[in-house]
Amino acid sequence: MWGVPIRSNEYFDIAVYQGIIGDSTEWRLEHKSCPKFLLVMMHLQAAFGGLDWGGVTELEKPQIECFNQWKYVGQVNELQAFCRKGQTVCLIKEKEKYLAYMGALTEQLFDETVKEFKLSGIEFEEA
């Protein structure tokens, strides 16, 4: 679970904390900027099914250079988010590999993106 301090002198850009639940809740800094945290999480939710068309694949580190042409949204821990009009891709680092979750607003955008990545040797499975 996440939360923000209710007593803060900062009104527009406060830090976000993650609550680790055990015998009591321990709060750890998750991200120093609430708006940036929310923007990255919005893209993650879109890639996880908020958009109608989605796919997933596993990438090696050199393959993530394919996203240099996408707009970089931001990063929260091991999660990086990228977007283009009507599309989002979230990369989650797991050890030496990355899981890439892609979401698209339309079937046409999804198909075009799948074809584009296929030219780079990256194959998304429809999710």
C-alpha atoms as a PDB file:
ATOM      1  CA  MET A   1       0.000   0.000   0.000  1.00  0.00           C
ATOM      2  CA  TRP A   2       1.133   3.540  -0.649  1.00  0.00           C
ATOM      3  CA  GLY A   3       0.544   6.795   1.136  1.00  0.00           C
ATOM      4  CA  VAL A   4       1.589  10.418   1.423  1.00  0.00           C
ATOM      5  CA  PRO A   5       2.173  12.460   4.578  1.00  0.00           C
ATOM      6  CA  ILE A   6      -0.926  14.347   5.688  1.00  0.00           C
ATOM      7  CA  ARG A   7       1.134  16.986   7.435  1.00  0.00           C
ATOM      8  CA  SER A   8       3.582  18.520   5.014  1.00  0.00           C
ATOM      9  CA  ASN A   9       4.660  21.977   3.966  1.00  0.00           C
ATOM     10  CA  GLU A  10       4.782  20.751   0.379  1.00  0.00           C
ATOM     11  CA  TYR A  11       1.372  20.946  -1.287  1.00  0.00           C
ATOM     12  CA  PHE A  12       2.171  20.233  -4.927  1.00  0.00           C
ATOM     13  CA  ASP A  13       4.948  17.651  -4.944  1.00  0.00           C
ATOM     14  CA  ILE A  14       5.190  15.462  -1.890  1.00  0.00           C
ATOM     15  CA  ALA A  15       6.913  12.116  -1.456  1.00  0.00           C
ATOM     16  CA  VAL A  16       5.138   8.760  -1.716  1.00  0.00           C
ATOM     17  CA  TYR A  17       5.805   6.034   0.850  1.00  0.00           C
ATOM     18  CA  GLN A  18       5.152   2.318   0.652  1.00  0.00           C
ATOM     19  CA  GLY A  19       3.659   0.688   3.718  1.00  0.00           C
ATOM     20  CA  ILE A  20       5.155  -2.723   4.512  1.00  0.00           C
ATOM     21  CA  ILE A  21       2.590  -4.571   6.588  1.00  0.00           C
ATOM     22  CA  GLY A  22       3.789  -6.825   9.384  1.00  0.00           C
ATOM     23  CA  ASP A  23       3.093  -6.690  13.107  1.00  0.00           C
ATOM     24  CA  SER A  24       2.945  -2.964  12.445  1.00  0.00           C
ATOM     25  CA  THR A  25       3.187  -0.964   9.250  1.00  0.00           C
ATOM     26  CA  GLU A  26       6.681   0.180   8.326  1.00  0.00           C
ATOM     27  CA  TRP A  27       6.768   3.107   5.886  1.00  0.00           C
ATOM     28  CA  ARG A  28       9.609   3.357   3.333  1.00  0.00           C
ATOM     29  CA  LEU A  29      10.213   6.049   0.743  1.00  0.00           C
ATOM     30  CA  GLU A  30       8.895   4.800  -2.608  1.00  0.00           C
ATOM     31  CA  HIS A  31       9.380   7.934  -4.734  1.00  0.00           C
ATOM     32  CA  LYS A  32      10.258  11.544  -3.940  1.00  0.00           C
ATOM     33  CA  SER A  33       7.624  12.961  -6.314  1.00  0.00           C
ATOM     34  CA  CYS A  34       3.943  12.064  -6.034  1.00  0.00           C
ATOM     35  CA  PRO A  35       2.983  13.392  -9.511  1.00  0.00           C
ATOM     36  CA  LYS A  36       5.805  11.422 -11.172  1.00  0.00           C
ATOM     37  CA  PHE A  37       4.924   8.290  -9.169  1.00  0.00           C
ATOM     38  CA  LEU A  38       1.261   8.555 -10.195  1.00  0.00           C
ATOM     39  CA  LEU A  39       2.151   9.123 -13.858  1.00  0.00           C
ATOM     40  CA  VAL A  40       4.344   5.983 -13.983  1.00  0.00           C
ATOM     41  CA  MET A  41       1.717   3.934 -12.136  1.00  0.00           C
ATOM     42  CA  MET A  42      -0.987   5.174 -14.541  1.00  0.00           C
ATOM     43  CA  HIS A  43       1.054   3.829 -17.447  1.00  0.00           C
ATOM     44  CA  LEU A  44       1.613   0.533 -15.631  1.00  0.00           C
ATOM     45  CA  GLN A  45      -2.121   0.114 -15.084  1.00  0.00           C
ATOM     46  CA  ALA A  46      -2.763   0.920 -18.755  1.00  0.00           C
ATOM     47  CA  ALA A  47      -0.206  -1.694 -19.855  1.00  0.00           C
ATOM     48  CA  PHE A  48      -1.629  -4.267 -17.408  1.00  0.00           C
ATOM     49  CA  GLY A  49      -5.063  -4.143 -19.016  1.00  0.00           C
ATOM     50  CA  GLY A  50      -6.400  -0.618 -18.749  1.00  0.00           C
ATOM     51  CA  LEU A  51      -5.982  -0.322 -22.511  1.00  0.00           C
ATOM     52  CA  ASP A  52      -7.999  -2.728 -24.662  1.00  0.00           C
ATOM     53  CA  TRP A  53      -5.023  -4.324 -26.441  1.00  0.00           C
ATOM     54  CA  GLY A  54      -1.945  -5.620 -24.674  1.00  0.00           C
ATOM     55  CA  GLY A  55       1.052  -7.859 -24.928  1.00  0.00           C
ATOM     56  CA  VAL A  56       4.038  -9.054 -22.956  1.00  0.00           C
ATOM     57  CA  THR A  57       7.549 -10.215 -23.776  1.00  0.00           C
ATOM     58  CA  GLU A  58      10.912 -10.840 -22.142  1.00  0.00           C
ATOM     59  CA  LEU A  59      13.873  -8.719 -23.241  1.00  0.00           C
ATOM     60  CA  GLU A  60      17.631  -8.762 -22.894  1.00  0.00           C
ATOM     61  CA  LYS A  61      19.236  -5.484 -21.796  1.00  0.00           C
ATOM     62  CA  PRO A  62      20.467  -4.444 -25.301  1.00  0.00           C
ATOM     63  CA  GLN A  63      16.936  -4.812 -26.679  1.00  0.00           C
ATOM     64  CA  ILE A  64      15.569  -2.036 -24.466  1.00  0.00           C
ATOM     65  CA  GLU A  65      17.291   0.452 -26.775  1.00  0.00           C
ATOM     66  CA  CYS A  66      14.241  -0.018 -29.040  1.00  0.00           C
ATOM     67  CA  PHE A  67      12.390   2.312 -26.690  1.00  0.00           C
ATOM     68  CA  ASN A  68      14.761   5.249 -27.293  1.00  0.00           C
ATOM     69  CA  GLN A  69      12.258   6.512 -29.889  1.00  0.00           C
ATOM     70  CA  TRP A  70       9.432   6.474 -27.332  1.00  0.00           C
ATOM     71  CA  LYS A  71       8.766   9.269 -24.844  1.00  0.00           C
ATOM     72  CA  TYR A  72      10.297   8.430 -21.472  1.00  0.00           C
ATOM     73  CA  VAL A  73       7.639   8.847 -18.762  1.00  0.00           C
ATOM     74  CA  GLY A  74       9.676   8.042 -15.667  1.00  0.00           C
ATOM     75  CA  GLN A  75      10.917   5.381 -13.293  1.00  0.00           C
ATOM     76  CA  VAL A  76       9.798   3.962  -9.949  1.00  0.00           C
ATOM     77  CA  ASN A  77      12.350   1.503  -8.564  1.00  0.00           C
ATOM     78  CA  GLU A  78      12.885  -1.204 -11.239  1.00  0.00           C
ATOM     79  CA  LEU A  79       9.920  -0.037 -13.366  1.00  0.00           C
ATOM     80  CA  GLN A  80      10.407   2.273 -16.359  1.00  0.00           C
ATOM     81  CA  ALA A  81       7.506   3.644 -18.394  1.00  0.00           C
ATOM     82  CA  PHE A  82       7.496   4.850 -22.014  1.00  0.00           C
ATOM     83  CA  CYS A  83       4.668   6.083 -24.224  1.00  0.00           C
ATOM     84  CA  ARG A  84       3.543   7.184 -27.657  1.00  0.00           C
ATOM     85  CA  LYS A  85       0.135   8.432 -28.701  1.00  0.00           C
ATOM     86  CA  GLY A  86      -2.360   5.726 -27.742  1.00  0.00           C
ATOM     87  CA  GLN A  87       0.335   3.331 -26.485  1.00  0.00           C
ATOM     88  CA  THR A  88       2.423   2.578 -23.438  1.00  0.00           C
ATOM     89  CA  VAL A  89       5.233   0.174 -22.606  1.00  0.00           C
ATOM     90  CA  CYS A  90       6.436  -0.611 -19.103  1.00  0.00           C
ATOM     91  CA  LEU A  91       9.737  -2.373 -18.496  1.00  0.00           C
ATOM     92  CA  ILE A  92      10.253  -4.203 -15.227  1.00  0.00           C
ATOM     93  CA  LYS A  93      13.802  -5.349 -14.504  1.00  0.00           C
ATOM     94  CA  GLU A  94      14.078  -8.864 -13.109  1.00  0.00           C
ATOM     95  CA  LYS A  95      17.708  -9.887 -12.518  1.00  0.00           C
ATOM     96  CA  GLU A  96      19.452  -9.617 -15.922  1.00  0.00           C
ATOM     97  CA  LYS A  97      16.263  -9.551 -18.022  1.00  0.00           C
ATOM     98  CA  TYR A  98      13.346  -7.210 -18.481  1.00  0.00           C
ATOM     99  CA  LEU A  99       9.652  -7.958 -18.758  1.00  0.00           C
ATOM    100  CA  ALA A 100       7.975  -5.584 -21.201  1.00  0.00           C
ATOM    101  CA  TYR A 101       4.236  -4.951 -20.942  1.00  0.00           C
ATOM    102  CA  MET A 102       2.697  -3.086 -23.847  1.00  0.00           C
ATOM    103  CA  GLY A 103      -0.762  -1.580 -24.065  1.00  0.00           C
ATOM    104  CA  ALA A 104      -2.488   0.017 -27.047  1.00  0.00           C
ATOM    105  CA  LEU A 105      -5.726   1.911 -27.431  1.00  0.00           C
ATOM    106  CA  THR A 106      -6.714   0.161 -30.665  1.00  0.00           C
ATOM    107  CA  GLU A 107      -6.112  -3.167 -32.356  1.00  0.00           C
ATOM    108  CA  GLN A 108      -4.492  -1.342 -35.280  1.00  0.00           C
ATOM    109  CA  LEU A 109      -1.961   0.414 -33.012  1.00  0.00           C
ATOM    110  CA  PHE A 110      -1.247  -2.890 -31.265  1.00  0.00           C
ATOM    111  CA  ASP A 111      -0.687  -4.764 -34.555  1.00  0.00           C
ATOM    112  CA  GLU A 112       1.534  -1.993 -35.948  1.00  0.00           C
ATOM    113  CA  THR A 113       3.672  -1.979 -32.798  1.00  0.00           C
ATOM    114  CA  VAL A 114       3.975  -5.770 -32.756  1.00  0.00           C
ATOM    115  CA  LYS A 115       5.182  -5.657 -36.388  1.00  0.00           C
ATOM    116  CA  GLU A 116       7.605  -2.839 -35.599  1.00  0.00           C
ATOM    117  CA  PHE A 117       9.216  -4.753 -32.739  1.00  0.00           C
ATOM    118  CA  LYS A 118       9.288  -7.988 -34.712  1.00  0.00           C
ATOM    119  CA  LEU A 119      11.735  -6.282 -37.104  1.00  0.00           C
ATOM    120  CA  SER A 120      14.075  -5.907 -34.086  1.00  0.00           C
ATOM    121  CA  GLY A 121      13.668  -9.562 -33.089  1.00  0.00           C
ATOM    122  CA  ILE A 122      11.205  -8.825 -30.287  1.00  0.00           C
ATOM    123  CA  GLU A 123       7.954 -10.804 -30.260  1.00  0.00           C
ATOM    124  CA  PHE A 124       5.101  -9.720 -28.032  1.00  0.00           C
ATOM    125  CA  GLU A 125       2.558 -12.318 -26.947  1.00  0.00           C
ATOM    126  CA  GLU A 126      -0.979 -11.000 -26.764  1.00  0.00           C
ATOM    127  CA  ALA A 127      -2.096 -10.741 -23.167  1.00  0.00           C
END
